[in-house]
PDB file of all heavy atoms in Angstrom:
ATOM      1  N   THR A   1      28.119   8.736   6.531  1.00  0.00           N
ATOM      2  CA  THR A   1      28.894   8.711   5.300  1.00  0.00           C
ATOM      3  C   THR A   1      28.030   8.246   4.138  1.00  0.00           C
ATOM      4  O   THR A   1      27.419   7.182   4.198  1.00  0.00           O
ATOM      5  CB  THR A   1      30.099   7.771   5.469  1.00  0.00           C
ATOM      6  OG1 THR A   1      30.860   8.211   6.582  1.00  0.00           O
ATOM      7  CG2 THR A   1      30.972   7.762   4.231  1.00  0.00           C
ATOM      8  N   HIS A   2      27.963   9.066   3.112  1.00  0.00           N
ATOM      9  CA  HIS A   2      27.172   8.775   1.905  1.00  0.00           C
ATOM     10  C   HIS A   2      25.723   8.395   2.249  1.00  0.00           C
ATOM     11  O   HIS A   2      25.094   7.618   1.544  1.00  0.00           O
ATOM     12  CB  HIS A   2      27.824   7.689   1.056  1.00  0.00           C
ATOM     13  CG  HIS A   2      29.166   8.072   0.549  1.00  0.00           C
ATOM     14  ND1 HIS A   2      29.344   8.983  -0.484  1.00  0.00           N
ATOM     15  CD2 HIS A   2      30.418   7.716   0.940  1.00  0.00           C
ATOM     16  CE1 HIS A   2      30.636   9.144  -0.707  1.00  0.00           C
ATOM     17  NE2 HIS A   2      31.310   8.389   0.136  1.00  0.00           N
ATOM     18  N   ASN A   3      25.231   8.931   3.362  1.00  0.00           N
ATOM     19  CA  ASN A   3      23.865   8.671   3.843  1.00  0.00           C
ATOM     20  C   ASN A   3      23.569   7.174   3.968  1.00  0.00           C
ATOM     21  O   ASN A   3      22.470   6.710   3.683  1.00  0.00           O
ATOM     22  CB  ASN A   3      22.825   9.348   2.948  1.00  0.00           C
ATOM     23  CG  ASN A   3      21.487   9.499   3.639  1.00  0.00           C
ATOM     24  OD1 ASN A   3      21.420   9.619   4.855  1.00  0.00           O
ATOM     25  ND2 ASN A   3      20.432   9.481   2.871  1.00  0.00           N
ATOM     26  N   THR A   4      24.551   6.413   4.412  1.00  0.00           N
ATOM     27  CA  THR A   4      24.378   4.967   4.540  1.00  0.00           C
ATOM     28  C   THR A   4      23.520   4.582   5.745  1.00  0.00           C
ATOM     29  O   THR A   4      22.952   3.501   5.765  1.00  0.00           O
ATOM     30  CB  THR A   4      25.741   4.263   4.680  1.00  0.00           C
ATOM     31  OG1 THR A   4      26.454   4.866   5.767  1.00  0.00           O
ATOM     32  CG2 THR A   4      26.536   4.349   3.395  1.00  0.00           C
ATOM     33  N   GLN A   5      23.469   5.426   6.762  1.00  0.00           N
ATOM     34  CA  GLN A   5      22.739   5.140   8.000  1.00  0.00           C
ATOM     35  C   GLN A   5      23.072   3.729   8.505  1.00  0.00           C
ATOM     36  O   GLN A   5      22.211   2.860   8.589  1.00  0.00           O
ATOM     37  CB  GLN A   5      21.240   5.329   7.806  1.00  0.00           C
ATOM     38  CG  GLN A   5      20.890   6.752   7.421  1.00  0.00           C
ATOM     39  CD  GLN A   5      19.405   7.007   7.355  1.00  0.00           C
ATOM     40  OE1 GLN A   5      18.607   6.105   7.137  1.00  0.00           O
ATOM     41  NE2 GLN A   5      19.030   8.254   7.546  1.00  0.00           N
ATOM     42  N   PRO A   6      24.338   3.520   8.880  1.00  0.00           N
ATOM     43  CA  PRO A   6      24.806   2.162   9.204  1.00  0.00           C
ATOM     44  C   PRO A   6      24.513   1.719  10.638  1.00  0.00           C
ATOM     45  O   PRO A   6      25.384   1.214  11.333  1.00  0.00           O
ATOM     46  CB  PRO A   6      26.308   2.279   8.966  1.00  0.00           C
ATOM     47  CG  PRO A   6      26.624   3.675   9.394  1.00  0.00           C
ATOM     48  CD  PRO A   6      25.434   4.490   8.936  1.00  0.00           C
ATOM     49  N   TRP A   7      23.302   1.909  11.111  1.00  0.00           N
ATOM     50  CA  TRP A   7      22.957   1.545  12.475  1.00  0.00           C
ATOM     51  C   TRP A   7      21.731   0.647  12.495  1.00  0.00           C
ATOM     52  O   TRP A   7      20.883   0.682  11.622  1.00  0.00           O
ATOM     53  CB  TRP A   7      22.709   2.781  13.327  1.00  0.00           C
ATOM     54  CG  TRP A   7      21.899   3.836  12.630  1.00  0.00           C
ATOM     55  CD1 TRP A   7      20.555   3.807  12.346  1.00  0.00           C
ATOM     56  CD2 TRP A   7      22.372   5.066  12.093  1.00  0.00           C
ATOM     57  NE1 TRP A   7      20.173   4.932  11.672  1.00  0.00           N
ATOM     58  CE2 TRP A   7      21.271   5.734  11.505  1.00  0.00           C
ATOM     59  CE3 TRP A   7      23.617   5.692  12.054  1.00  0.00           C
ATOM     60  CZ2 TRP A   7      21.371   6.979  10.894  1.00  0.00           C
ATOM     61  CZ3 TRP A   7      23.722   6.922  11.440  1.00  0.00           C
ATOM     62  CH2 TRP A   7      22.614   7.552  10.874  1.00  0.00           C
ATOM     63  N   LEU A   8      21.680  -0.152  13.517  1.00  0.00           N
ATOM     64  CA  LEU A   8      20.522  -0.999  13.810  1.00  0.00           C
ATOM     65  C   LEU A   8      20.220  -0.838  15.295  1.00  0.00           C
ATOM     66  O   LEU A   8      21.126  -0.571  16.087  1.00  0.00           O
ATOM     67  CB  LEU A   8      20.817  -2.472  13.508  1.00  0.00           C
ATOM     68  CG  LEU A   8      21.039  -2.833  12.050  1.00  0.00           C
ATOM     69  CD1 LEU A   8      21.561  -4.270  11.936  1.00  0.00           C
ATOM     70  CD2 LEU A   8      19.749  -2.679  11.264  1.00  0.00           C
ATOM     71  N   PHE A   9      18.965  -1.037  15.668  1.00  0.00           N
ATOM     72  CA  PHE A   9      18.557  -0.872  17.053  1.00  0.00           C
ATOM     73  C   PHE A   9      17.830  -2.113  17.549  1.00  0.00           C
ATOM     74  O   PHE A   9      17.099  -2.748  16.795  1.00  0.00           O
ATOM     75  CB  PHE A   9      17.595   0.320  17.196  1.00  0.00           C
ATOM     76  CG  PHE A   9      18.115   1.594  16.614  1.00  0.00           C
ATOM     77  CD1 PHE A   9      17.595   2.097  15.434  1.00  0.00           C
ATOM     78  CD2 PHE A   9      19.130   2.297  17.238  1.00  0.00           C
ATOM     79  CE1 PHE A   9      18.063   3.282  14.888  1.00  0.00           C
ATOM     80  CE2 PHE A   9      19.614   3.485  16.702  1.00  0.00           C
ATOM     81  CZ  PHE A   9      19.075   3.973  15.522  1.00  0.00           C
ATOM     82  N   LYS A  10      18.041  -2.413  18.810  1.00  0.00           N
ATOM     83  CA  LYS A  10      17.275  -3.455  19.491  1.00  0.00           C
ATOM     84  C   LYS A  10      16.737  -2.813  20.758  1.00  0.00           C
ATOM     85  O   LYS A  10      17.509  -2.310  21.585  1.00  0.00           O
ATOM     86  CB  LYS A  10      18.150  -4.661  19.827  1.00  0.00           C
ATOM     87  CG  LYS A  10      17.387  -5.766  20.529  1.00  0.00           C
ATOM     88  CD  LYS A  10      18.275  -6.947  20.830  1.00  0.00           C
ATOM     89  CE  LYS A  10      17.475  -8.006  21.568  1.00  0.00           C
ATOM     90  NZ  LYS A  10      18.350  -9.082  22.029  1.00  0.00           N
ATOM     91  N   LEU A  11      15.425  -2.825  20.905  1.00  0.00           N
ATOM     92  CA  LEU A  11      14.791  -2.148  22.027  1.00  0.00           C
ATOM     93  C   LEU A  11      14.514  -3.090  23.174  1.00  0.00           C
ATOM     94  O   LEU A  11      14.111  -4.236  22.968  1.00  0.00           O
ATOM     95  CB  LEU A  11      13.466  -1.526  21.586  1.00  0.00           C
ATOM     96  CG  LEU A  11      13.508  -0.201  20.861  1.00  0.00           C
ATOM     97  CD1 LEU A  11      14.383  -0.231  19.633  1.00  0.00           C
ATOM     98  CD2 LEU A  11      12.119   0.259  20.521  1.00  0.00           C
ATOM     99  N   GLY A  12      14.729  -2.575  24.386  1.00  0.00           N
ATOM    100  CA  GLY A  12      14.311  -3.236  25.607  1.00  0.00           C
ATOM    101  C   GLY A  12      13.270  -2.360  26.269  1.00  0.00           C
ATOM    102  O   GLY A  12      12.841  -1.347  25.705  1.00  0.00           O
ATOM    103  N   ASP A  13      12.874  -2.704  27.474  1.00  0.00           N
ATOM    104  CA  ASP A  13      11.833  -1.928  28.153  1.00  0.00           C
ATOM    105  C   ASP A  13      12.288  -0.508  28.495  1.00  0.00           C
ATOM    106  O   ASP A  13      11.505   0.428  28.421  1.00  0.00           O
ATOM    107  CB  ASP A  13      11.379  -2.646  29.428  1.00  0.00           C
ATOM    108  CG  ASP A  13      10.191  -1.940  30.056  1.00  0.00           C
ATOM    109  OD1 ASP A  13       9.209  -1.676  29.325  1.00  0.00           O
ATOM    110  OD2 ASP A  13      10.253  -1.624  31.255  1.00  0.00           O
ATOM    111  N   SER A  14      13.550  -0.366  28.854  1.00  0.00           N
ATOM    112  CA  SER A  14      14.033   0.972  29.222  1.00  0.00           C
ATOM    113  C   SER A  14      15.422   1.240  28.630  1.00  0.00           C
ATOM    114  O   SER A  14      16.188   2.028  29.165  1.00  0.00           O
ATOM    115  CB  SER A  14      14.071   1.120  30.734  1.00  0.00           C
ATOM    116  OG  SER A  14      14.961   0.178  31.287  1.00  0.00           O
ATOM    117  N   TYR A  15      15.724   0.568  27.528  1.00  0.00           N
ATOM    118  CA  TYR A  15      17.021   0.779  26.880  1.00  0.00           C
ATOM    119  C   TYR A  15      16.921   0.510  25.385  1.00  0.00           C
ATOM    120  O   TYR A  15      15.953  -0.064  24.902  1.00  0.00           O
ATOM    121  CB  TYR A  15      18.101  -0.112  27.496  1.00  0.00           C
ATOM    122  CG  TYR A  15      17.890  -1.583  27.257  1.00  0.00           C
ATOM    123  CD1 TYR A  15      18.381  -2.196  26.108  1.00  0.00           C
ATOM    124  CD2 TYR A  15      17.195  -2.360  28.174  1.00  0.00           C
ATOM    125  CE1 TYR A  15      18.172  -3.542  25.873  1.00  0.00           C
ATOM    126  CE2 TYR A  15      16.980  -3.703  27.939  1.00  0.00           C
ATOM    127  CZ  TYR A  15      17.468  -4.290  26.800  1.00  0.00           C
ATOM    128  OH  TYR A  15      17.254  -5.622  26.564  1.00  0.00           O
ATOM    129  N   CYS A  16      17.968   0.921  24.715  1.00  0.00           N
ATOM    130  CA  CYS A  16      18.106   0.656  23.284  1.00  0.00           C
ATOM    131  C   CYS A  16      19.557   0.251  23.038  1.00  0.00           C
ATOM    132  O   CYS A  16      20.475   0.977  23.413  1.00  0.00           O
ATOM    133  CB  CYS A  16      17.768   1.915  22.497  1.00  0.00           C
ATOM    134  SG  CYS A  16      18.116   1.764  20.738  1.00  0.00           S
ATOM    135  N   ASP A  17      19.757  -0.909  22.460  1.00  0.00           N
ATOM    136  CA  ASP A  17      21.089  -1.322  22.043  1.00  0.00           C
ATOM    137  C   ASP A  17      21.307  -0.848  20.620  1.00  0.00           C
ATOM    138  O   ASP A  17      20.410  -0.945  19.774  1.00  0.00           O
ATOM    139  CB  ASP A  17      21.248  -2.839  22.111  1.00  0.00           C
ATOM    140  CG  ASP A  17      21.324  -3.365  23.540  1.00  0.00           C
ATOM    141  OD1 ASP A  17      21.713  -2.592  24.434  1.00  0.00           O
ATOM    142  OD2 ASP A  17      20.987  -4.544  23.753  1.00  0.00           O
ATOM    143  N   VAL A  18      22.507  -0.327  20.357  1.00  0.00           N
ATOM    144  CA  VAL A  18      22.838   0.200  19.036  1.00  0.00           C
ATOM    145  C   VAL A  18      23.919  -0.691  18.431  1.00  0.00           C
ATOM    146  O   VAL A  18      24.931  -0.977  19.080  1.00  0.00           O
ATOM    147  CB  VAL A  18      23.333   1.660  19.129  1.00  0.00           C
ATOM    148  CG1 VAL A  18      23.606   2.221  17.736  1.00  0.00           C
ATOM    149  CG2 VAL A  18      22.318   2.527  19.876  1.00  0.00           C
ATOM    150  N   PHE A  19      23.682  -1.095  17.203  1.00  0.00           N
ATOM    151  CA  PHE A  19      24.584  -1.998  16.494  1.00  0.00           C
ATOM    152  C   PHE A  19      25.084  -1.358  15.209  1.00  0.00           C
ATOM    153  O   PHE A  19      24.388  -0.548  14.599  1.00  0.00           O
ATOM    154  CB  PHE A  19      23.862  -3.303  16.132  1.00  0.00           C
ATOM    155  CG  PHE A  19      23.446  -4.118  17.304  1.00  0.00           C
ATOM    156  CD1 PHE A  19      22.253  -3.849  17.957  1.00  0.00           C
ATOM    157  CD2 PHE A  19      24.241  -5.151  17.766  1.00  0.00           C
ATOM    158  CE1 PHE A  19      21.848  -4.595  19.045  1.00  0.00           C
ATOM    159  CE2 PHE A  19      23.857  -5.910  18.863  1.00  0.00           C
ATOM    160  CZ  PHE A  19      22.656  -5.628  19.503  1.00  0.00           C
ATOM    161  N   LEU A  20      26.256  -1.770  14.789  1.00  0.00           N
ATOM    162  CA  LEU A  20      26.813  -1.386  13.495  1.00  0.00           C
ATOM    163  C   LEU A  20      26.240  -2.328  12.449  1.00  0.00           C
ATOM    164  O   LEU A  20      26.338  -3.541  12.586  1.00  0.00           O
ATOM    165  CB  LEU A  20      28.338  -1.509  13.540  1.00  0.00           C
ATOM    166  CG  LEU A  20      29.109  -1.044  12.324  1.00  0.00           C
ATOM    167  CD1 LEU A  20      29.015   0.466  12.191  1.00  0.00           C
ATOM    168  CD2 LEU A  20      30.568  -1.459  12.459  1.00  0.00           C
ATOM    169  N   ASN A  21      25.630  -1.779  11.421  1.00  0.00           N
ATOM    170  CA  ASN A  21      25.072  -2.586  10.337  1.00  0.00           C
ATOM    171  C   ASN A  21      26.118  -2.702   9.232  1.00  0.00           C
ATOM    172  O   ASN A  21      26.209  -1.850   8.357  1.00  0.00           O
ATOM    173  CB  ASN A  21      23.788  -1.940   9.806  1.00  0.00           C
ATOM    174  CG  ASN A  21      23.121  -2.781   8.743  1.00  0.00           C
ATOM    175  OD1 ASN A  21      23.653  -3.800   8.305  1.00  0.00           O
ATOM    176  ND2 ASN A  21      21.946  -2.354   8.318  1.00  0.00           N
ATOM    177  N   GLU A  22      26.902  -3.758   9.280  1.00  0.00           N
ATOM    178  CA  GLU A  22      27.986  -3.933   8.325  1.00  0.00           C
ATOM    179  C   GLU A  22      27.494  -4.173   6.897  1.00  0.00           C
ATOM    180  O   GLU A  22      28.269  -4.068   5.951  1.00  0.00           O
ATOM    181  CB  GLU A  22      28.926  -5.036   8.793  1.00  0.00           C
ATOM    182  CG  GLU A  22      29.705  -4.605  10.029  1.00  0.00           C
ATOM    183  CD  GLU A  22      30.694  -5.644  10.513  1.00  0.00           C
ATOM    184  OE1 GLU A  22      30.685  -6.786  10.008  1.00  0.00           O
ATOM    185  OE2 GLU A  22      31.474  -5.310  11.419  1.00  0.00           O
ATOM    186  N   ASP A  23      26.211  -4.451   6.740  1.00  0.00           N
ATOM    187  CA  ASP A  23      25.657  -4.572   5.388  1.00  0.00           C
ATOM    188  C   ASP A  23      25.689  -3.230   4.667  1.00  0.00           C
ATOM    189  O   ASP A  23      25.546  -3.182   3.451  1.00  0.00           O
ATOM    190  CB  ASP A  23      24.211  -5.071   5.435  1.00  0.00           C
ATOM    191  CG  ASP A  23      24.112  -6.509   5.907  1.00  0.00           C
ATOM    192  OD1 ASP A  23      25.147  -7.224   5.884  1.00  0.00           O
ATOM    193  OD2 ASP A  23      23.008  -6.918   6.313  1.00  0.00           O
ATOM    194  N   LYS A  24      25.861  -2.152   5.411  1.00  0.00           N
ATOM    195  CA  LYS A  24      25.908  -0.804   4.834  1.00  0.00           C
ATOM    196  C   LYS A  24      27.340  -0.322   4.607  1.00  0.00           C
ATOM    197  O   LYS A  24      27.567   0.839   4.332  1.00  0.00           O
ATOM    198  CB  LYS A  24      25.201   0.196   5.759  1.00  0.00           C
ATOM    199  CG  LYS A  24      23.777  -0.149   6.073  1.00  0.00           C
ATOM    200  CD  LYS A  24      22.885   0.188   4.919  1.00  0.00           C
ATOM    201  CE  LYS A  24      21.444  -0.066   5.286  1.00  0.00           C
ATOM    202  NZ  LYS A  24      20.527   0.747   4.549  1.00  0.00           N
ATOM    203  N   SER A  25      28.301  -1.221   4.718  1.00  0.00           N
ATOM    204  CA  SER A  25      29.704  -0.819   4.573  1.00  0.00           C
ATOM    205  C   SER A  25      30.021  -0.387   3.143  1.00  0.00           C
ATOM    206  O   SER A  25      29.369  -0.812   2.190  1.00  0.00           O
ATOM    207  CB  SER A  25      30.644  -1.948   4.999  1.00  0.00           C
ATOM    208  OG  SER A  25      30.615  -2.987   4.053  1.00  0.00           O
ATOM    209  N   LEU A  26      31.020   0.471   3.034  1.00  0.00           N
ATOM    210  CA  LEU A  26      31.530   0.935   1.738  1.00  0.00           C
ATOM    211  C   LEU A  26      32.994   0.522   1.666  1.00  0.00           C
ATOM    212  O   LEU A  26      33.884   1.292   2.012  1.00  0.00           O
ATOM    213  CB  LEU A  26      31.387   2.457   1.632  1.00  0.00           C
ATOM    214  CG  LEU A  26      29.969   3.006   1.766  1.00  0.00           C
ATOM    215  CD1 LEU A  26      29.990   4.522   1.862  1.00  0.00           C
ATOM    216  CD2 LEU A  26      29.120   2.553   0.596  1.00  0.00           C
ATOM    217  N   PRO A  27      33.275  -0.701   1.228  1.00  0.00           N
ATOM    218  CA  PRO A  27      34.627  -1.243   1.315  1.00  0.00           C
ATOM    219  C   PRO A  27      35.697  -0.434   0.581  1.00  0.00           C
ATOM    220  O   PRO A  27      36.843  -0.416   1.010  1.00  0.00           O
ATOM    221  CB  PRO A  27      34.513  -2.647   0.738  1.00  0.00           C
ATOM    222  CG  PRO A  27      33.159  -2.792   0.205  1.00  0.00           C
ATOM    223  CD  PRO A  27      32.335  -1.632   0.651  1.00  0.00           C
ATOM    224  N   ILE A  28      35.348   0.254  -0.480  1.00  0.00           N
ATOM    225  CA  ILE A  28      36.348   1.040  -1.201  1.00  0.00           C
ATOM    226  C   ILE A  28      36.558   2.394  -0.529  1.00  0.00           C
ATOM    227  O   ILE A  28      37.685   2.832  -0.332  1.00  0.00           O
ATOM    228  CB  ILE A  28      35.951   1.208  -2.691  1.00  0.00           C
ATOM    229  CG1 ILE A  28      35.982  -0.162  -3.360  1.00  0.00           C
ATOM    230  CG2 ILE A  28      36.860   2.195  -3.400  1.00  0.00           C
ATOM    231  CD1 ILE A  28      35.451  -0.192  -4.774  1.00  0.00           C
ATOM    232  N   ALA A  29      35.477   3.053  -0.134  1.00  0.00           N
ATOM    233  CA  ALA A  29      35.566   4.397   0.453  1.00  0.00           C
ATOM    234  C   ALA A  29      35.927   4.381   1.935  1.00  0.00           C
ATOM    235  O   ALA A  29      36.447   5.364   2.456  1.00  0.00           O
ATOM    236  CB  ALA A  29      34.242   5.129   0.256  1.00  0.00           C
ATOM    237  N   ASP A  30      35.642   3.270   2.617  1.00  0.00           N
ATOM    238  CA  ASP A  30      35.840   3.223   4.074  1.00  0.00           C
ATOM    239  C   ASP A  30      36.335   1.827   4.478  1.00  0.00           C
ATOM    240  O   ASP A  30      35.643   1.080   5.160  1.00  0.00           O
ATOM    241  CB  ASP A  30      34.520   3.574   4.772  1.00  0.00           C
ATOM    242  CG  ASP A  30      34.637   3.714   6.278  1.00  0.00           C
ATOM    243  OD1 ASP A  30      35.757   3.940   6.778  1.00  0.00           O
ATOM    244  OD2 ASP A  30      33.601   3.602   6.961  1.00  0.00           O
TER     245      ASP A  30
END
């Protein structure tokens, strides 16, 4: 949405955890 790219990643040896980056929120639009 609006090219916010609201994701963050944390890497492990054989995995990747995906997080919601709430700093990219659009409080009025979403």
